[in-house]
Amino acid sequence: MKKFKIKSGDTVKVIAGDHKGSEGKVLQILKDKDRVVVEGVNMVSKHTKPSAANPQGGIVKKEAPLHISNVALTENGEAVRVGYKVEGDKKVRVSKKSDKAI
């Protein structure tokens, strides 16, 4: 099973691609495709047919997934690398830059 250092709910910064520099909260992680969905980043227009849930149909804006290598976890607005430390009997994520728990 794949293991990522980024989890749902983390604040991340896009470090590569068209949306470089933008920040947002991770909404979803797609482990099988190595991708993450970030709130408000990589918005695409999706055309939808009228249905019972959406009787009008039309164009819906939604977030498209980004590759996980193009995002980095942020601490105080700066992108940081992540490591792990064992504190007591718990394994915690720590910032490599400041050595503080995330």
PDB file of N, CA and C in Angstrom:
ATOM      1  N   MET A   1       0.839  -1.189   0.000  1.00  0.00           N
ATOM      2  CA  MET A   1       0.000   0.000   0.000  1.00  0.00           C
ATOM      3  C   MET A   1       0.878   1.244   0.000  1.00  0.00           C
ATOM      4  N   LYS A   2       0.511   2.220  -0.821  1.00  0.00           N
ATOM      5  CA  LYS A   2       1.278   3.454  -0.912  1.00  0.00           C
ATOM      6  C   LYS A   2       1.074   4.296   0.336  1.00  0.00           C
ATOM      7  N   LYS A   3       2.104   5.040   0.693  1.00  0.00           N
ATOM      8  CA  LYS A   3       2.031   5.899   1.860  1.00  0.00           C
ATOM      9  C   LYS A   3       2.540   7.276   1.473  1.00  0.00           C
ATOM     10  N   PHE A   4       1.736   8.289   1.744  1.00  0.00           N
ATOM     11  CA  PHE A   4       2.106   9.654   1.413  1.00  0.00           C
ATOM     12  C   PHE A   4       2.297  10.465   2.681  1.00  0.00           C
ATOM     13  N   LYS A   5       3.097  11.514   2.590  1.00  0.00           N
ATOM     14  CA  LYS A   5       3.332  12.377   3.739  1.00  0.00           C
ATOM     15  C   LYS A   5       2.305  13.500   3.821  1.00  0.00           C
ATOM     16  N   ILE A   6       1.450  13.584   2.823  1.00  0.00           N
ATOM     17  CA  ILE A   6       0.374  14.578   2.805  1.00  0.00           C
ATOM     18  C   ILE A   6      -0.935  13.863   3.097  1.00  0.00           C
ATOM     19  N   LYS A   7      -1.766  14.481   3.942  1.00  0.00           N
ATOM     20  CA  LYS A   7      -3.040  13.874   4.319  1.00  0.00           C
ATOM     21  C   LYS A   7      -4.183  14.831   4.004  1.00  0.00           C
ATOM     22  N   SER A   8      -5.398  14.316   3.995  1.00  0.00           N
ATOM     23  CA  SER A   8      -6.576  15.161   3.775  1.00  0.00           C
ATOM     24  C   SER A   8      -6.671  16.191   4.890  1.00  0.00           C
ATOM     25  N   GLY A   9      -7.006  17.423   4.512  1.00  0.00           N
ATOM     26  CA  GLY A   9      -7.123  18.490   5.494  1.00  0.00           C
ATOM     27  C   GLY A   9      -5.860  19.326   5.646  1.00  0.00           C
ATOM     28  N   ASP A  10      -4.726  18.855   5.124  1.00  0.00           N
ATOM     29  CA  ASP A  10      -3.475  19.625   5.191  1.00  0.00           C
ATOM     30  C   ASP A  10      -3.548  20.823   4.257  1.00  0.00           C
ATOM     31  N   THR A  11      -2.828  21.882   4.603  1.00  0.00           N
ATOM     32  CA  THR A  11      -2.681  23.022   3.711  1.00  0.00           C
ATOM     33  C   THR A  11      -1.424  22.811   2.892  1.00  0.00           C
ATOM     34  N   VAL A  12      -1.574  22.865   1.574  1.00  0.00           N
ATOM     35  CA  VAL A  12      -0.440  22.619   0.689  1.00  0.00           C
ATOM     36  C   VAL A  12      -0.243  23.782  -0.269  1.00  0.00           C
ATOM     37  N   LYS A  13       0.963  23.849  -0.830  1.00  0.00           N
ATOM     38  CA  LYS A  13       1.308  24.872  -1.819  1.00  0.00           C
ATOM     39  C   LYS A  13       1.705  24.150  -3.097  1.00  0.00           C
ATOM     40  N   VAL A  14       1.226  24.644  -4.232  1.00  0.00           N
ATOM     41  CA  VAL A  14       1.582  24.053  -5.520  1.00  0.00           C
ATOM     42  C   VAL A  14       2.975  24.561  -5.891  1.00  0.00           C
ATOM     43  N   ILE A  15       3.908  23.636  -6.145  1.00  0.00           N
ATOM     44  CA  ILE A  15       5.298  24.024  -6.400  1.00  0.00           C
ATOM     45  C   ILE A  15       5.711  23.860  -7.854  1.00  0.00           C
ATOM     46  N   ALA A  16       4.811  23.327  -8.701  1.00  0.00           N
ATOM     47  CA  ALA A  16       5.134  23.147 -10.118  1.00  0.00           C
ATOM     48  C   ALA A  16       3.853  23.147 -10.932  1.00  0.00           C
ATOM     49  N   GLY A  17       3.967  23.550 -12.192  1.00  0.00           N
ATOM     50  CA  GLY A  17       2.818  23.515 -13.090  1.00  0.00           C
ATOM     51  C   GLY A  17       2.154  24.865 -13.283  1.00  0.00           C
ATOM     52  N   ASP A  18       0.996  24.856 -13.934  1.00  0.00           N
ATOM     53  CA  ASP A  18       0.280  26.082 -14.270  1.00  0.00           C
ATOM     54  C   ASP A  18      -0.179  26.860 -13.044  1.00  0.00           C
ATOM     55  N   HIS A  19      -0.449  26.178 -11.947  1.00  0.00           N
ATOM     56  CA  HIS A  19      -0.993  26.822 -10.750  1.00  0.00           C
ATOM     57  C   HIS A  19       0.067  27.011  -9.681  1.00  0.00           C
ATOM     58  N   LYS A  20       1.333  27.093 -10.094  1.00  0.00           N
ATOM     59  CA  LYS A  20       2.454  27.246  -9.167  1.00  0.00           C
ATOM     60  C   LYS A  20       2.256  28.460  -8.272  1.00  0.00           C
ATOM     61  N   GLY A  21       2.469  28.272  -6.971  1.00  0.00           N
ATOM     62  CA  GLY A  21       2.364  29.367  -6.013  1.00  0.00           C
ATOM     63  C   GLY A  21       1.030  29.425  -5.288  1.00  0.00           C
ATOM     64  N   SER A  22      -0.004  28.772  -5.817  1.00  0.00           N
ATOM     65  CA  SER A  22      -1.305  28.839  -5.155  1.00  0.00           C
ATOM     66  C   SER A  22      -1.375  27.835  -4.009  1.00  0.00           C
ATOM     67  N   GLU A  23      -2.165  28.197  -2.993  1.00  0.00           N
ATOM     68  CA  GLU A  23      -2.303  27.372  -1.806  1.00  0.00           C
ATOM     69  C   GLU A  23      -3.744  26.951  -1.609  1.00  0.00           C
ATOM     70  N   GLY A  24      -3.935  25.856  -0.915  1.00  0.00           N
ATOM     71  CA  GLY A  24      -5.281  25.391  -0.608  1.00  0.00           C
ATOM     72  C   GLY A  24      -5.249  24.182   0.297  1.00  0.00           C
ATOM     73  N   LYS A  25      -6.437  23.778   0.730  1.00  0.00           N
ATOM     74  CA  LYS A  25      -6.581  22.634   1.617  1.00  0.00           C
ATOM     75  C   LYS A  25      -6.816  21.372   0.791  1.00  0.00           C
ATOM     76  N   VAL A  26      -6.201  20.272   1.195  1.00  0.00           N
ATOM     77  CA  VAL A  26      -6.376  19.001   0.490  1.00  0.00           C
ATOM     78  C   VAL A  26      -7.766  18.459   0.806  1.00  0.00           C
ATOM     79  N   LEU A  27      -8.568  18.256  -0.246  1.00  0.00           N
ATOM     80  CA  LEU A  27      -9.913  17.732  -0.079  1.00  0.00           C
ATOM     81  C   LEU A  27      -9.933  16.211  -0.163  1.00  0.00           C
ATOM     82  N   GLN A  28      -9.089  15.670  -1.041  1.00  0.00           N
ATOM     83  CA  GLN A  28      -9.130  14.237  -1.303  1.00  0.00           C
ATOM     84  C   GLN A  28      -7.773  13.768  -1.798  1.00  0.00           C
ATOM     85  N   ILE A  29      -7.432  12.525  -1.462  1.00  0.00           N
ATOM     86  CA  ILE A  29      -6.206  11.910  -1.965  1.00  0.00           C
ATOM     87  C   ILE A  29      -6.592  10.669  -2.757  1.00  0.00           C
ATOM     88  N   LEU A  30      -6.109  10.590  -3.998  1.00  0.00           N
ATOM     89  CA  LEU A  30      -6.375   9.442  -4.854  1.00  0.00           C
ATOM     90  C   LEU A  30      -5.105   8.585  -4.869  1.00  0.00           C
ATOM     91  N   LYS A  31      -5.015   7.640  -3.942  1.00  0.00           N
ATOM     92  CA  LYS A  31      -3.784   6.855  -3.763  1.00  0.00           C
ATOM     93  C   LYS A  31      -3.416   6.032  -4.984  1.00  0.00           C
ATOM     94  N   ASP A  32      -4.410   5.448  -5.657  1.00  0.00           N
ATOM     95  CA  ASP A  32      -4.107   4.584  -6.801  1.00  0.00           C
ATOM     96  C   ASP A  32      -3.522   5.354  -7.977  1.00  0.00           C
ATOM     97  N   LYS A  33      -3.794   6.665  -8.066  1.00  0.00           N
ATOM     98  CA  LYS A  33      -3.293   7.475  -9.181  1.00  0.00           C
ATOM     99  C   LYS A  33      -2.224   8.477  -8.751  1.00  0.00           C
ATOM    100  N   ASP A  34      -1.797   8.466  -7.481  1.00  0.00           N
ATOM    101  CA  ASP A  34      -0.786   9.399  -6.940  1.00  0.00           C
ATOM    102  C   ASP A  34      -1.200  10.850  -7.118  1.00  0.00           C
ATOM    103  N   ARG A  35      -2.455  11.167  -6.875  1.00  0.00           N
ATOM    104  CA  ARG A  35      -2.963  12.516  -7.099  1.00  0.00           C
ATOM    105  C   ARG A  35      -3.702  13.049  -5.887  1.00  0.00           C
ATOM    106  N   VAL A  36      -3.777  14.380  -5.809  1.00  0.00           N
ATOM    107  CA  VAL A  36      -4.522  15.044  -4.735  1.00  0.00           C
ATOM    108  C   VAL A  36      -5.460  16.082  -5.339  1.00  0.00           C
ATOM    109  N   VAL A  37      -6.584  16.309  -4.673  1.00  0.00           N
ATOM    110  CA  VAL A  37      -7.519  17.348  -5.073  1.00  0.00           C
ATOM    111  C   VAL A  37      -7.374  18.464  -4.049  1.00  0.00           C
ATOM    112  N   VAL A  38      -7.013  19.664  -4.523  1.00  0.00           N
ATOM    113  CA  VAL A  38      -6.776  20.806  -3.647  1.00  0.00           C
ATOM    114  C   VAL A  38      -7.888  21.828  -3.858  1.00  0.00           C
ATOM    115  N   GLU A  39      -8.418  22.348  -2.756  1.00  0.00           N
ATOM    116  CA  GLU A  39      -9.535  23.284  -2.777  1.00  0.00           C
ATOM    117  C   GLU A  39      -9.166  24.576  -3.517  1.00  0.00           C
ATOM    118  N   GLY A  40      -9.932  24.904  -4.556  1.00  0.00           N
ATOM    119  CA  GLY A  40      -9.751  26.152  -5.297  1.00  0.00           C
ATOM    120  C   GLY A  40      -8.590  26.170  -6.274  1.00  0.00           C
ATOM    121  N   VAL A  41      -7.930  25.041  -6.504  1.00  0.00           N
ATOM    122  CA  VAL A  41      -6.773  24.978  -7.399  1.00  0.00           C
ATOM    123  C   VAL A  41      -7.092  24.026  -8.544  1.00  0.00           C
ATOM    124  N   ASN A  42      -6.646  24.356  -9.754  1.00  0.00           N
ATOM    125  CA  ASN A  42      -6.828  23.531 -10.946  1.00  0.00           C
ATOM    126  C   ASN A  42      -8.314  23.345 -11.267  1.00  0.00           C
ATOM    127  N   MET A  43      -9.037  24.456 -11.308  1.00  0.00           N
ATOM    128  CA  MET A  43     -10.472  24.423 -11.584  1.00  0.00           C
ATOM    129  C   MET A  43     -10.707  24.142 -13.065  1.00  0.00           C
ATOM    130  N   VAL A  44     -11.667  23.237 -13.341  1.00  0.00           N
ATOM    131  CA  VAL A  44     -12.038  22.906 -14.711  1.00  0.00           C
ATOM    132  C   VAL A  44     -13.548  23.063 -14.861  1.00  0.00           C
ATOM    133  N   SER A  45     -13.999  23.285 -16.094  1.00  0.00           N
ATOM    134  CA  SER A  45     -15.428  23.394 -16.381  1.00  0.00           C
ATOM    135  C   SER A  45     -15.926  22.052 -16.864  1.00  0.00           C
ATOM    136  N   LYS A  46     -16.944  21.537 -16.208  1.00  0.00           N
ATOM    137  CA  LYS A  46     -17.502  20.237 -16.578  1.00  0.00           C
ATOM    138  C   LYS A  46     -18.934  20.456 -17.055  1.00  0.00           C
ATOM    139  N   HIS A  47     -19.233  19.993 -18.247  1.00  0.00           N
ATOM    140  CA  HIS A  47     -20.574  20.122 -18.805  1.00  0.00           C
ATOM    141  C   HIS A  47     -21.422  18.969 -18.289  1.00  0.00           C
ATOM    142  N   THR A  48     -22.585  19.300 -17.712  1.00  0.00           N
ATOM    143  CA  THR A  48     -23.439  18.257 -17.142  1.00  0.00           C
ATOM    144  C   THR A  48     -24.802  18.254 -17.818  1.00  0.00           C
ATOM    145  N   LYS A  49     -25.322  17.048 -18.039  1.00  0.00           N
ATOM    146  CA  LYS A  49     -26.663  16.888 -18.598  1.00  0.00           C
ATOM    147  C   LYS A  49     -27.687  17.147 -17.502  1.00  0.00           C
ATOM    148  N   PRO A  50     -28.871  17.562 -17.855  1.00  0.00           N
ATOM    149  CA  PRO A  50     -29.920  17.703 -16.842  1.00  0.00           C
ATOM    150  C   PRO A  50     -30.240  16.334 -16.224  1.00  0.00           C
ATOM    151  N   SER A  51     -30.407  16.326 -14.904  1.00  0.00           N
ATOM    152  CA  SER A  51     -30.736  15.096 -14.183  1.00  0.00           C
ATOM    153  C   SER A  51     -31.687  15.440 -13.047  1.00  0.00           C
ATOM    154  N   ALA A  52     -32.089  14.444 -12.283  1.00  0.00           N
ATOM    155  CA  ALA A  52     -32.987  14.694 -11.153  1.00  0.00           C
ATOM    156  C   ALA A  52     -32.304  15.584 -10.111  1.00  0.00           C
ATOM    157  N   ALA A  53     -31.019  15.354  -9.883  1.00  0.00           N
ATOM    158  CA  ALA A  53     -30.273  16.155  -8.912  1.00  0.00           C
ATOM    159  C   ALA A  53     -30.018  17.570  -9.422  1.00  0.00           C
ATOM    160  N   ASN A  54     -29.782  17.697 -10.728  1.00  0.00           N
ATOM    161  CA  ASN A  54     -29.498  18.998 -11.332  1.00  0.00           C
ATOM    162  C   ASN A  54     -30.410  19.162 -12.554  1.00  0.00           C
ATOM    163  N   PRO A  55     -31.677  19.593 -12.362  1.00  0.00           N
ATOM    164  CA  PRO A  55     -32.618  19.642 -13.483  1.00  0.00           C
ATOM    165  C   PRO A  55     -32.241  20.643 -14.573  1.00  0.00           C
ATOM    166  N   GLN A  56     -31.473  21.665 -14.221  1.00  0.00           N
ATOM    167  CA  GLN A  56     -31.092  22.688 -15.190  1.00  0.00           C
ATOM    168  C   GLN A  56     -29.969  22.208 -16.109  1.00  0.00           C
ATOM    169  N   GLY A  57     -29.046  21.401 -15.552  1.00  0.00           N
ATOM    170  CA  GLY A  57     -27.867  21.021 -16.323  1.00  0.00           C
ATOM    171  C   GLY A  57     -26.925  22.206 -16.414  1.00  0.00           C
ATOM    172  N   GLY A  58     -26.031  22.223 -17.376  1.00  0.00           N
ATOM    173  CA  GLY A  58     -25.163  23.374 -17.591  1.00  0.00           C
ATOM    174  C   GLY A  58     -23.699  23.077 -17.321  1.00  0.00           C
ATOM    175  N   ILE A  59     -22.962  24.137 -17.016  1.00  0.00           N
ATOM    176  CA  ILE A  59     -21.523  24.043 -16.815  1.00  0.00           C
ATOM    177  C   ILE A  59     -21.227  24.185 -15.322  1.00  0.00           C
ATOM    178  N   VAL A  60     -20.490  23.220 -14.786  1.00  0.00           N
ATOM    179  CA  VAL A  60     -20.153  23.221 -13.366  1.00  0.00           C
ATOM    180  C   VAL A  60     -18.634  23.355 -13.229  1.00  0.00           C
ATOM    181  N   LYS A  61     -18.184  24.267 -12.367  1.00  0.00           N
ATOM    182  CA  LYS A  61     -16.746  24.417 -12.085  1.00  0.00           C
ATOM    183  C   LYS A  61     -16.382  23.493 -10.933  1.00  0.00           C
ATOM    184  N   LYS A  62     -15.316  22.698 -11.107  1.00  0.00           N
ATOM    185  CA  LYS A  62     -14.869  21.825 -10.032  1.00  0.00           C
ATOM    186  C   LYS A  62     -13.363  21.644 -10.081  1.00  0.00           C
ATOM    187  N   GLU A  63     -12.800  21.173  -8.965  1.00  0.00           N
ATOM    188  CA  GLU A  63     -11.353  20.974  -8.885  1.00  0.00           C
ATOM    189  C   GLU A  63     -10.953  19.667  -9.567  1.00  0.00           C
ATOM    190  N   ALA A  64      -9.876  19.730 -10.336  1.00  0.00           N
ATOM    191  CA  ALA A  64      -9.323  18.530 -10.953  1.00  0.00           C
ATOM    192  C   ALA A  64      -8.096  18.106 -10.134  1.00  0.00           C
ATOM    193  N   PRO A  65      -7.761  16.813 -10.131  1.00  0.00           N
ATOM    194  CA  PRO A  65      -6.618  16.358  -9.339  1.00  0.00           C
ATOM    195  C   PRO A  65      -5.272  16.830  -9.898  1.00  0.00           C
ATOM    196  N   LEU A  66      -4.319  17.037  -8.988  1.00  0.00           N
ATOM    197  CA  LEU A  66      -2.927  17.369  -9.320  1.00  0.00           C
ATOM    198  C   LEU A  66      -2.057  16.193  -8.898  1.00  0.00           C
ATOM    199  N   HIS A  67      -0.914  16.022  -9.553  1.00  0.00           N
ATOM    200  CA  HIS A  67      -0.003  14.971  -9.113  1.00  0.00           C
ATOM    201  C   HIS A  67       0.591  15.360  -7.769  1.00  0.00           C
ATOM    202  N   ILE A  68       0.742  14.381  -6.903  1.00  0.00           N
ATOM    203  CA  ILE A  68       1.185  14.652  -5.529  1.00  0.00           C
ATOM    204  C   ILE A  68       2.606  15.225  -5.472  1.00  0.00           C
ATOM    205  N   SER A  69       3.417  14.968  -6.493  1.00  0.00           N
ATOM    206  CA  SER A  69       4.779  15.505  -6.514  1.00  0.00           C
ATOM    207  C   SER A  69       4.798  17.003  -6.794  1.00  0.00           C
ATOM    208  N   ASN A  70       3.682  17.554  -7.263  1.00  0.00           N
ATOM    209  CA  ASN A  70       3.613  18.987  -7.571  1.00  0.00           C
ATOM    210  C   ASN A  70       3.109  19.830  -6.413  1.00  0.00           C
ATOM    211  N   VAL A  71       2.870  19.212  -5.257  1.00  0.00           N
ATOM    212  CA  VAL A  71       2.434  19.968  -4.087  1.00  0.00           C
ATOM    213  C   VAL A  71       3.361  19.683  -2.912  1.00  0.00           C
ATOM    214  N   ALA A  72       3.469  20.672  -2.009  1.00  0.00           N
ATOM    215  CA  ALA A  72       4.293  20.517  -0.813  1.00  0.00           C
ATOM    216  C   ALA A  72       3.513  21.024   0.385  1.00  0.00           C
ATOM    217  N   LEU A  73       3.688  20.374   1.507  1.00  0.00           N
ATOM    218  CA  LEU A  73       3.046  20.778   2.745  1.00  0.00           C
ATOM    219  C   LEU A  73       3.565  22.143   3.162  1.00  0.00           C
ATOM    220  N   THR A  74       2.706  22.980   3.750  1.00  0.00           N
ATOM    221  CA  THR A  74       3.146  24.316   4.153  1.00  0.00           C
ATOM    222  C   THR A  74       3.138  24.459   5.665  1.00  0.00           C
ATOM    223  N   GLU A  75       4.054  25.304   6.133  1.00  0.00           N
ATOM    224  CA  GLU A  75       4.128  25.678   7.540  1.00  0.00           C
ATOM    225  C   GLU A  75       4.381  27.182   7.560  1.00  0.00           C
ATOM    226  N   ASN A  76       3.455  27.943   8.087  1.00  0.00           N
ATOM    227  CA  ASN A  76       3.534  29.417   8.100  1.00  0.00           C
ATOM    228  C   ASN A  76       3.680  29.993   6.691  1.00  0.00           C
ATOM    229  N   GLY A  77       3.001  29.385   5.708  1.00  0.00           N
ATOM    230  CA  GLY A  77       3.012  29.885   4.339  1.00  0.00           C
ATOM    231  C   GLY A  77       4.200  29.452   3.501  1.00  0.00           C
ATOM    232  N   GLU A  78       5.151  28.724   4.090  1.00  0.00           N
ATOM    233  CA  GLU A  78       6.327  28.265   3.348  1.00  0.00           C
ATOM    234  C   GLU A  78       6.245  26.771   3.101  1.00  0.00           C
ATOM    235  N   ALA A  79       6.686  26.329   1.937  1.00  0.00           N
ATOM    236  CA  ALA A  79       6.717  24.906   1.616  1.00  0.00           C
ATOM    237  C   ALA A  79       7.819  24.238   2.441  1.00  0.00           C
ATOM    238  N   VAL A  80       7.489  23.109   3.059  1.00  0.00           N
ATOM    239  CA  VAL A  80       8.468  22.385   3.871  1.00  0.00           C
ATOM    240  C   VAL A  80       8.481  20.914   3.492  1.00  0.00           C
ATOM    241  N   ARG A  81       9.634  20.276   3.721  1.00  0.00           N
ATOM    242  CA  ARG A  81       9.726  18.838   3.559  1.00  0.00           C
ATOM    243  C   ARG A  81       9.326  18.190   4.874  1.00  0.00           C
ATOM    244  N   VAL A  82       8.888  16.950   4.799  1.00  0.00           N
ATOM    245  CA  VAL A  82       8.333  16.277   5.964  1.00  0.00           C
ATOM    246  C   VAL A  82       9.159  15.058   6.322  1.00  0.00           C
ATOM    247  N   GLY A  83       9.392  14.891   7.628  1.00  0.00           N
ATOM    248  CA  GLY A  83      10.053  13.699   8.141  1.00  0.00           C
ATOM    249  C   GLY A  83       9.202  13.140   9.270  1.00  0.00           C
ATOM    250  N   TYR A  84       9.683  12.080   9.884  1.00  0.00           N
ATOM    251  CA  TYR A  84       8.955  11.461  10.989  1.00  0.00           C
ATOM    252  C   TYR A  84       9.869  11.325  12.188  1.00  0.00           C
ATOM    253  N   LYS A  85       9.283  11.453  13.392  1.00  0.00           N
ATOM    254  CA  LYS A  85       9.995  11.226  14.638  1.00  0.00           C
ATOM    255  C   LYS A  85       9.087  10.435  15.557  1.00  0.00           C
ATOM    256  N   VAL A  86       9.692   9.653  16.425  1.00  0.00           N
ATOM    257  CA  VAL A  86       8.916   8.917  17.416  1.00  0.00           C
ATOM    258  C   VAL A  86       9.014   9.684  18.730  1.00  0.00           C
ATOM    259  N   GLU A  87       7.865  10.162  19.212  1.00  0.00           N
ATOM    260  CA  GLU A  87       7.812  10.878  20.489  1.00  0.00           C
ATOM    261  C   GLU A  87       6.989  10.034  21.449  1.00  0.00           C
ATOM    262  N   GLY A  88       7.665   9.466  22.428  1.00  0.00           N
ATOM    263  CA  GLY A  88       6.985   8.548  23.349  1.00  0.00           C
ATOM    264  C   GLY A  88       6.665   7.264  22.607  1.00  0.00           C
ATOM    265  N   ASP A  89       5.371   6.968  22.463  1.00  0.00           N
ATOM    266  CA  ASP A  89       4.980   5.782  21.708  1.00  0.00           C
ATOM    267  C   ASP A  89       4.239   6.158  20.431  1.00  0.00           C
ATOM    268  N   LYS A  90       4.306   7.454  20.041  1.00  0.00           N
ATOM    269  CA  LYS A  90       3.608   7.916  18.841  1.00  0.00           C
ATOM    270  C   LYS A  90       4.600   8.355  17.780  1.00  0.00           C
ATOM    271  N   LYS A  91       4.237   8.082  16.522  1.00  0.00           N
ATOM    272  CA  LYS A  91       5.034   8.528  15.374  1.00  0.00           C
ATOM    273  C   LYS A  91       4.396   9.812  14.860  1.00  0.00           C
ATOM    274  N   VAL A  92       5.164  10.903  14.813  1.00  0.00           N
ATOM    275  CA  VAL A  92       4.626  12.202  14.395  1.00  0.00           C
ATOM    276  C   VAL A  92       5.360  12.747  13.188  1.00  0.00           C
ATOM    277  N   ARG A  93       4.615  13.489  12.356  1.00  0.00           N
ATOM    278  CA  ARG A  93       5.227  14.173  11.216  1.00  0.00           C
ATOM    279  C   ARG A  93       5.900  15.441  11.729  1.00  0.00           C
ATOM    280  N   VAL A  94       7.109  15.700  11.249  1.00  0.00           N
ATOM    281  CA  VAL A  94       7.835  16.911  11.643  1.00  0.00           C
ATOM    282  C   VAL A  94       8.357  17.635  10.413  1.00  0.00           C
ATOM    283  N   SER A  95       8.469  18.949  10.527  1.00  0.00           N
ATOM    284  CA  SER A  95       9.024  19.771   9.460  1.00  0.00           C
ATOM    285  C   SER A  95      10.537  19.639   9.481  1.00  0.00           C
ATOM    286  N   LYS A  96      11.142  19.407   8.326  1.00  0.00           N
ATOM    287  CA  LYS A  96      12.594  19.299   8.252  1.00  0.00           C
ATOM    288  C   LYS A  96      13.249  20.676   8.430  1.00  0.00           C
ATOM    289  N   LYS A  97      12.503  21.738   8.122  1.00  0.00           N
ATOM    290  CA  LYS A  97      13.051  23.085   8.226  1.00  0.00           C
ATOM    291  C   LYS A  97      13.132  23.556   9.673  1.00  0.00           C
ATOM    292  N   SER A  98      12.042  23.380  10.437  1.00  0.00           N
ATOM    293  CA  SER A  98      12.012  23.897  11.801  1.00  0.00           C
ATOM    294  C   SER A  98      12.078  22.798  12.865  1.00  0.00           C
ATOM    295  N   ASP A  99      11.993  21.545  12.454  1.00  0.00           N
ATOM    296  CA  ASP A  99      12.022  20.393  13.353  1.00  0.00           C
ATOM    297  C   ASP A  99      10.860  20.410  14.362  1.00  0.00           C
ATOM    298  N   LYS A 100       9.738  21.031  13.974  1.00  0.00           N
ATOM    299  CA  LYS A 100       8.547  21.070  14.825  1.00  0.00           C
ATOM    300  C   LYS A 100       7.513  20.093  14.298  1.00  0.00           C
ATOM    301  N   ALA A 101       6.680  19.587  15.198  1.00  0.00           N
ATOM    302  CA  ALA A 101       5.603  18.666  14.797  1.00  0.00           C
ATOM    303  C   ALA A 101       4.579  19.410  13.971  1.00  0.00           C
ATOM    304  N   ILE A 102       4.051  18.735  12.971  1.00  0.00           N
ATOM    305  CA  ILE A 102       3.041  19.344  12.096  1.00  0.00           C
ATOM    306  C   ILE A 102       1.672  18.911  12.559  1.00  0.00           C
TER     307      ILE A 102
END
